[in-house]
PDB file of N, CA and C in Angstrom:
ATOM      1  N   MET A   1       2.550  13.972   3.498  1.00  0.00           N
ATOM      2  CA  MET A   1       2.363  13.522   2.135  1.00  0.00           C
ATOM      3  C   MET A   1       1.471  14.520   1.413  1.00  0.00           C
ATOM      4  N   LYS A   2       1.929  15.032   0.304  1.00  0.00           N
ATOM      5  CA  LYS A   2       1.158  15.983  -0.477  1.00  0.00           C
ATOM      6  C   LYS A   2       0.417  15.235  -1.574  1.00  0.00           C
ATOM      7  N   HIS A   3      -0.899  15.406  -1.617  1.00  0.00           N
ATOM      8  CA  HIS A   3      -1.723  14.711  -2.617  1.00  0.00           C
ATOM      9  C   HIS A   3      -1.996  15.679  -3.758  1.00  0.00           C
ATOM     10  N   THR A   4      -1.318  15.498  -4.903  1.00  0.00           N
ATOM     11  CA  THR A   4      -1.456  16.418  -6.022  1.00  0.00           C
ATOM     12  C   THR A   4      -2.161  15.783  -7.209  1.00  0.00           C
ATOM     13  N   ARG A   5      -2.611  14.555  -7.065  1.00  0.00           N
ATOM     14  CA  ARG A   5      -3.257  13.845  -8.169  1.00  0.00           C
ATOM     15  C   ARG A   5      -4.564  14.546  -8.538  1.00  0.00           C
ATOM     16  N   THR A   6      -4.771  14.791  -9.841  1.00  0.00           N
ATOM     17  CA  THR A   6      -5.988  15.455 -10.293  1.00  0.00           C
ATOM     18  C   THR A   6      -6.932  14.503 -11.005  1.00  0.00           C
ATOM     19  N   THR A   7      -6.551  13.256 -11.171  1.00  0.00           N
ATOM     20  CA  THR A   7      -7.423  12.286 -11.819  1.00  0.00           C
ATOM     21  C   THR A   7      -8.511  11.840 -10.848  1.00  0.00           C
ATOM     22  N   PRO A   8      -9.680  11.495 -11.376  1.00  0.00           N
ATOM     23  CA  PRO A   8     -10.735  11.016 -10.481  1.00  0.00           C
ATOM     24  C   PRO A   8     -10.362   9.658  -9.896  1.00  0.00           C
ATOM     25  N   PRO A   9     -10.925   9.316  -8.751  1.00  0.00           N
ATOM     26  CA  PRO A   9     -10.617   8.015  -8.144  1.00  0.00           C
ATOM     27  C   PRO A   9     -11.151   6.880  -9.001  1.00  0.00           C
ATOM     28  N   SER A  10     -10.526   5.721  -8.894  1.00  0.00           N
ATOM     29  CA  SER A  10     -10.984   4.542  -9.628  1.00  0.00           C
ATOM     30  C   SER A  10     -11.883   3.661  -8.774  1.00  0.00           C
ATOM     31  N   HIS A  11     -11.837   3.871  -7.454  1.00  0.00           N
ATOM     32  CA  HIS A  11     -12.600   3.045  -6.526  1.00  0.00           C
ATOM     33  C   HIS A  11     -13.235   3.914  -5.437  1.00  0.00           C
ATOM     34  N   VAL A  12     -14.284   3.373  -4.829  1.00  0.00           N
ATOM     35  CA  VAL A  12     -14.978   4.030  -3.723  1.00  0.00           C
ATOM     36  C   VAL A  12     -14.777   3.179  -2.476  1.00  0.00           C
ATOM     37  N   VAL A  13     -14.596   3.825  -1.325  1.00  0.00           N
ATOM     38  CA  VAL A  13     -14.387   3.119  -0.060  1.00  0.00           C
ATOM     39  C   VAL A  13     -15.654   3.252   0.792  1.00  0.00           C
ATOM     40  N   PHE A  14     -16.125   2.114   1.305  1.00  0.00           N
ATOM     41  CA  PHE A  14     -17.319   2.064   2.146  1.00  0.00           C
ATOM     42  C   PHE A  14     -16.989   1.384   3.461  1.00  0.00           C
ATOM     43  N   VAL A  15     -17.779   1.688   4.500  1.00  0.00           N
ATOM     44  CA  VAL A  15     -17.807   0.863   5.702  1.00  0.00           C
ATOM     45  C   VAL A  15     -19.162   0.155   5.657  1.00  0.00           C
ATOM     46  N   VAL A  16     -19.148  -1.155   5.903  1.00  0.00           N
ATOM     47  CA  VAL A  16     -20.366  -1.960   5.843  1.00  0.00           C
ATOM     48  C   VAL A  16     -20.627  -2.546   7.221  1.00  0.00           C
ATOM     49  N   GLU A  17     -21.834  -2.291   7.721  1.00  0.00           N
ATOM     50  CA  GLU A  17     -22.251  -2.837   9.008  1.00  0.00           C
ATOM     51  C   GLU A  17     -23.409  -3.789   8.762  1.00  0.00           C
ATOM     52  N   GLY A  18     -23.332  -4.985   9.323  1.00  0.00           N
ATOM     53  CA  GLY A  18     -24.368  -5.985   9.134  1.00  0.00           C
ATOM     54  C   GLY A  18     -24.039  -6.907   7.979  1.00  0.00           C
ATOM     55  N   GLU A  19     -24.966  -7.807   7.701  1.00  0.00           N
ATOM     56  CA  GLU A  19     -24.761  -8.818   6.659  1.00  0.00           C
ATOM     57  C   GLU A  19     -25.974  -8.901   5.738  1.00  0.00           C
ATOM     58  N   GLY A  20     -25.743  -9.361   4.520  1.00  0.00           N
ATOM     59  CA  GLY A  20     -26.830  -9.650   3.585  1.00  0.00           C
ATOM     60  C   GLY A  20     -27.676  -8.440   3.239  1.00  0.00           C
ATOM     61  N   ASP A  21     -28.990  -8.690   3.081  1.00  0.00           N
ATOM     62  CA  ASP A  21     -29.914  -7.628   2.679  1.00  0.00           C
ATOM     63  C   ASP A  21     -30.072  -6.540   3.730  1.00  0.00           C
ATOM     64  N   SER A  22     -29.744  -6.839   4.974  1.00  0.00           N
ATOM     65  CA  SER A  22     -29.891  -5.842   6.037  1.00  0.00           C
ATOM     66  C   SER A  22     -28.605  -5.041   6.271  1.00  0.00           C
ATOM     67  N   ALA A  23     -27.581  -5.267   5.454  1.00  0.00           N
ATOM     68  CA  ALA A  23     -26.314  -4.544   5.613  1.00  0.00           C
ATOM     69  C   ALA A  23     -26.507  -3.066   5.295  1.00  0.00           C
ATOM     70  N   HIS A  24     -25.811  -2.223   6.037  1.00  0.00           N
ATOM     71  CA  HIS A  24     -25.858  -0.775   5.828  1.00  0.00           C
ATOM     72  C   HIS A  24     -24.499  -0.318   5.292  1.00  0.00           C
ATOM     73  N   TRP A  25     -24.484   0.240   4.067  1.00  0.00           N
ATOM     74  CA  TRP A  25     -23.262   0.701   3.423  1.00  0.00           C
ATOM     75  C   TRP A  25     -23.170   2.220   3.553  1.00  0.00           C
ATOM     76  N   THR A  26     -22.025   2.715   4.024  1.00  0.00           N
ATOM     77  CA  THR A  26     -21.777   4.149   4.137  1.00  0.00           C
ATOM     78  C   THR A  26     -20.487   4.479   3.396  1.00  0.00           C
ATOM     79  N   ARG A  27     -20.588   5.382   2.441  1.00  0.00           N
ATOM     80  CA  ARG A  27     -19.392   5.797   1.694  1.00  0.00           C
ATOM     81  C   ARG A  27     -18.524   6.664   2.595  1.00  0.00           C
ATOM     82  N   ILE A  28     -17.240   6.303   2.688  1.00  0.00           N
ATOM     83  CA  ILE A  28     -16.337   7.052   3.569  1.00  0.00           C
ATOM     84  C   ILE A  28     -15.110   7.594   2.849  1.00  0.00           C
ATOM     85  N   GLY A  29     -14.952   7.298   1.552  1.00  0.00           N
ATOM     86  CA  GLY A  29     -13.769   7.815   0.879  1.00  0.00           C
ATOM     87  C   GLY A  29     -13.612   7.307  -0.540  1.00  0.00           C
ATOM     88  N   ALA A  30     -12.397   7.480  -1.049  1.00  0.00           N
ATOM     89  CA  ALA A  30     -12.073   7.111  -2.422  1.00  0.00           C
ATOM     90  C   ALA A  30     -10.668   6.520  -2.475  1.00  0.00           C
ATOM     91  N   ALA A  31     -10.379   5.815  -3.584  1.00  0.00           N
ATOM     92  CA  ALA A  31      -9.074   5.167  -3.742  1.00  0.00           C
ATOM     93  C   ALA A  31      -8.543   5.383  -5.155  1.00  0.00           C
ATOM     94  N   TRP A  32      -7.229   5.570  -5.240  1.00  0.00           N
ATOM     95  CA  TRP A  32      -6.523   5.716  -6.509  1.00  0.00           C
ATOM     96  C   TRP A  32      -5.459   4.633  -6.584  1.00  0.00           C
ATOM     97  N   PRO A  33      -5.325   3.949  -7.718  1.00  0.00           N
ATOM     98  CA  PRO A  33      -4.306   2.896  -7.816  1.00  0.00           C
ATOM     99  C   PRO A  33      -2.896   3.483  -7.887  1.00  0.00           C
ATOM    100  N   HIS A  34      -1.947   2.751  -7.326  1.00  0.00           N
ATOM    101  CA  HIS A  34      -0.538   3.124  -7.461  1.00  0.00           C
ATOM    102  C   HIS A  34      -0.126   2.962  -8.917  1.00  0.00           C
ATOM    103  N   ASP A  35       0.865   3.708  -9.329  1.00  0.00           N
ATOM    104  CA  ASP A  35       1.345   3.633 -10.711  1.00  0.00           C
ATOM    105  C   ASP A  35       1.825   2.240 -11.083  1.00  0.00           C
ATOM    106  N   ASP A  36       2.359   1.487 -10.099  1.00  0.00           N
ATOM    107  CA  ASP A  36       2.846   0.139 -10.399  1.00  0.00           C
ATOM    108  C   ASP A  36       1.743  -0.918 -10.317  1.00  0.00           C
ATOM    109  N   GLY A  37       0.508  -0.509  -9.966  1.00  0.00           N
ATOM    110  CA  GLY A  37      -0.612  -1.441  -9.907  1.00  0.00           C
ATOM    111  C   GLY A  37      -0.604  -2.365  -8.705  1.00  0.00           C
ATOM    112  N   GLU A  38       0.274  -2.116  -7.728  1.00  0.00           N
ATOM    113  CA  GLU A  38       0.430  -3.025  -6.586  1.00  0.00           C
ATOM    114  C   GLU A  38      -0.309  -2.577  -5.327  1.00  0.00           C
ATOM    115  N   GLY A  39      -1.050  -1.484  -5.390  1.00  0.00           N
ATOM    116  CA  GLY A  39      -1.759  -1.019  -4.201  1.00  0.00           C
ATOM    117  C   GLY A  39      -2.576   0.217  -4.512  1.00  0.00           C
ATOM    118  N   PHE A  40      -3.074   0.872  -3.451  1.00  0.00           N
ATOM    119  CA  PHE A  40      -3.938   2.038  -3.599  1.00  0.00           C
ATOM    120  C   PHE A  40      -3.556   3.133  -2.610  1.00  0.00           C
ATOM    121  N   ASN A  41      -3.798   4.371  -3.001  1.00  0.00           N
ATOM    122  CA  ASN A  41      -3.787   5.499  -2.077  1.00  0.00           C
ATOM    123  C   ASN A  41      -5.234   5.741  -1.697  1.00  0.00           C
ATOM    124  N   LEU A  42      -5.499   5.895  -0.395  1.00  0.00           N
ATOM    125  CA  LEU A  42      -6.852   6.115   0.093  1.00  0.00           C
ATOM    126  C   LEU A  42      -6.992   7.523   0.638  1.00  0.00           C
ATOM    127  N   LYS A  43      -8.144   8.134   0.395  1.00  0.00           N
ATOM    128  CA  LYS A  43      -8.502   9.398   1.030  1.00  0.00           C
ATOM    129  C   LYS A  43      -9.826   9.143   1.732  1.00  0.00           C
ATOM    130  N   LEU A  44      -9.800   9.174   3.075  1.00  0.00           N
ATOM    131  CA  LEU A  44     -10.967   8.842   3.874  1.00  0.00           C
ATOM    132  C   LEU A  44     -11.501  10.075   4.587  1.00  0.00           C
ATOM    133  N   ALA A  45     -12.831  10.186   4.650  1.00  0.00           N
ATOM    134  CA  ALA A  45     -13.475  11.265   5.392  1.00  0.00           C
ATOM    135  C   ALA A  45     -13.569  10.923   6.869  1.00  0.00           C
ATOM    136  N   CYS A  46     -13.531   9.633   7.181  1.00  0.00           N
ATOM    137  CA  CYS A  46     -13.576   9.180   8.573  1.00  0.00           C
ATOM    138  C   CYS A  46     -12.950   7.793   8.654  1.00  0.00           C
ATOM    139  N   MET A  47     -12.647   7.380   9.869  1.00  0.00           N
ATOM    140  CA  MET A  47     -12.079   6.054  10.105  1.00  0.00           C
ATOM    141  C   MET A  47     -13.076   5.277  10.958  1.00  0.00           C
ATOM    142  N   PRO A  48     -13.651   4.190  10.417  1.00  0.00           N
ATOM    143  CA  PRO A  48     -14.668   3.454  11.163  1.00  0.00           C
ATOM    144  C   PRO A  48     -14.080   2.692  12.353  1.00  0.00           C
ATOM    145  N   LEU A  49     -14.883   2.594  13.411  1.00  0.00           N
ATOM    146  CA  LEU A  49     -14.498   1.808  14.579  1.00  0.00           C
ATOM    147  C   LEU A  49     -15.047   0.394  14.484  1.00  0.00           C
ATOM    148  N   ASP A  50     -16.205   0.254  13.858  1.00  0.00           N
ATOM    149  CA  ASP A  50     -16.855  -1.047  13.701  1.00  0.00           C
ATOM    150  C   ASP A  50     -17.184  -1.268  12.232  1.00  0.00           C
ATOM    151  N   GLY A  51     -17.574  -2.485  11.913  1.00  0.00           N
ATOM    152  CA  GLY A  51     -17.920  -2.806  10.537  1.00  0.00           C
ATOM    153  C   GLY A  51     -16.686  -3.209   9.759  1.00  0.00           C
ATOM    154  N   ARG A  52     -16.875  -3.435   8.482  1.00  0.00           N
ATOM    155  CA  ARG A  52     -15.740  -3.809   7.640  1.00  0.00           C
ATOM    156  C   ARG A  52     -15.579  -2.770   6.535  1.00  0.00           C
ATOM    157  N   VAL A  53     -14.357  -2.547   6.125  1.00  0.00           N
ATOM    158  CA  VAL A  53     -14.056  -1.599   5.058  1.00  0.00           C
ATOM    159  C   VAL A  53     -14.060  -2.361   3.743  1.00  0.00           C
ATOM    160  N   VAL A  54     -14.816  -1.827   2.768  1.00  0.00           N
ATOM    161  CA  VAL A  54     -14.945  -2.456   1.458  1.00  0.00           C
ATOM    162  C   VAL A  54     -14.548  -1.436   0.402  1.00  0.00           C
ATOM    163  N   ILE A  55     -13.713  -1.860  -0.551  1.00  0.00           N
ATOM    164  CA  ILE A  55     -13.310  -1.001  -1.665  1.00  0.00           C
ATOM    165  C   ILE A  55     -13.916  -1.583  -2.931  1.00  0.00           C
ATOM    166  N   ARG A  56     -14.717  -0.770  -3.628  1.00  0.00           N
ATOM    167  CA  ARG A  56     -15.397  -1.208  -4.842  1.00  0.00           C
ATOM    168  C   ARG A  56     -15.000  -0.314  -6.011  1.00  0.00           C
ATOM    169  N   LYS A  57     -14.917  -0.914  -7.188  1.00  0.00           N
ATOM    170  CA  LYS A  57     -14.602  -0.164  -8.397  1.00  0.00           C
ATOM    171  C   LYS A  57     -15.693   0.876  -8.643  1.00  0.00           C
ATOM    172  N   LEU A  58     -15.280   2.098  -8.958  1.00  0.00           N
ATOM    173  CA  LEU A  58     -16.210   3.190  -9.218  1.00  0.00           C
ATOM    174  C   LEU A  58     -16.940   2.929 -10.528  1.00  0.00           C
ATOM    175  N   LYS A  59     -18.258   3.041 -10.507  1.00  0.00           N
ATOM    176  CA  LYS A  59     -19.076   2.844 -11.705  1.00  0.00           C
ATOM    177  C   LYS A  59     -19.434   4.207 -12.281  1.00  0.00           C
ATOM    178  N   PRO A  60     -19.584   4.305 -13.613  1.00  0.00           N
ATOM    179  CA  PRO A  60     -19.924   5.598 -14.231  1.00  0.00           C
ATOM    180  C   PRO A  60     -21.173   6.233 -13.627  1.00  0.00           C
ATOM    181  N   LYS A  61     -22.170   5.428 -13.247  1.00  0.00           N
ATOM    182  CA  LYS A  61     -23.396   5.993 -12.670  1.00  0.00           C
ATOM    183  C   LYS A  61     -23.120   6.665 -11.327  1.00  0.00           C
ATOM    184  N   ASP A  62     -22.100   6.190 -10.593  1.00  0.00           N
ATOM    185  CA  ASP A  62     -21.737   6.808  -9.320  1.00  0.00           C
ATOM    186  C   ASP A  62     -21.185   8.214  -9.545  1.00  0.00           C
ATOM    187  N   MET A  63     -20.418   8.388 -10.601  1.00  0.00           N
ATOM    188  CA  MET A  63     -19.844   9.701 -10.904  1.00  0.00           C
ATOM    189  C   MET A  63     -20.940  10.672 -11.340  1.00  0.00           C
ATOM    190  N   GLU A  64     -21.914  10.191 -12.147  1.00  0.00           N
ATOM    191  CA  GLU A  64     -23.002  11.040 -12.614  1.00  0.00           C
ATOM    192  C   GLU A  64     -23.884  11.484 -11.459  1.00  0.00           C
ATOM    193  N   ALA A  65     -24.073  10.604 -10.486  1.00  0.00           N
ATOM    194  CA  ALA A  65     -24.938  10.903  -9.344  1.00  0.00           C
ATOM    195  C   ALA A  65     -24.213  11.737  -8.296  1.00  0.00           C
ATOM    196  N   GLY A  66     -22.931  11.992  -8.497  1.00  0.00           N
ATOM    197  CA  GLY A  66     -22.157  12.766  -7.542  1.00  0.00           C
ATOM    198  C   GLY A  66     -21.844  12.007  -6.278  1.00  0.00           C
ATOM    199  N   ARG A  67     -21.845  10.705  -6.374  1.00  0.00           N
ATOM    200  CA  ARG A  67     -21.575   9.862  -5.206  1.00  0.00           C
ATOM    201  C   ARG A  67     -20.107   9.738  -4.974  1.00  0.00           C
TER     202      ARG A  67
END
């Protein structure tokens, strides 16, 4: 699959270990919505073995901070 999209991602992908205030969030990738709005293309830097994968909408402050 060739990824030629030049638009910035709309979402950020994290792996979350733990619960509540003690949870540890690690950014592992980004997500772009499908043109039909029915799913996402993911680009991951790693694949977690433990924890849960969370996809969150990208906030403007995340882009400014280079996150």
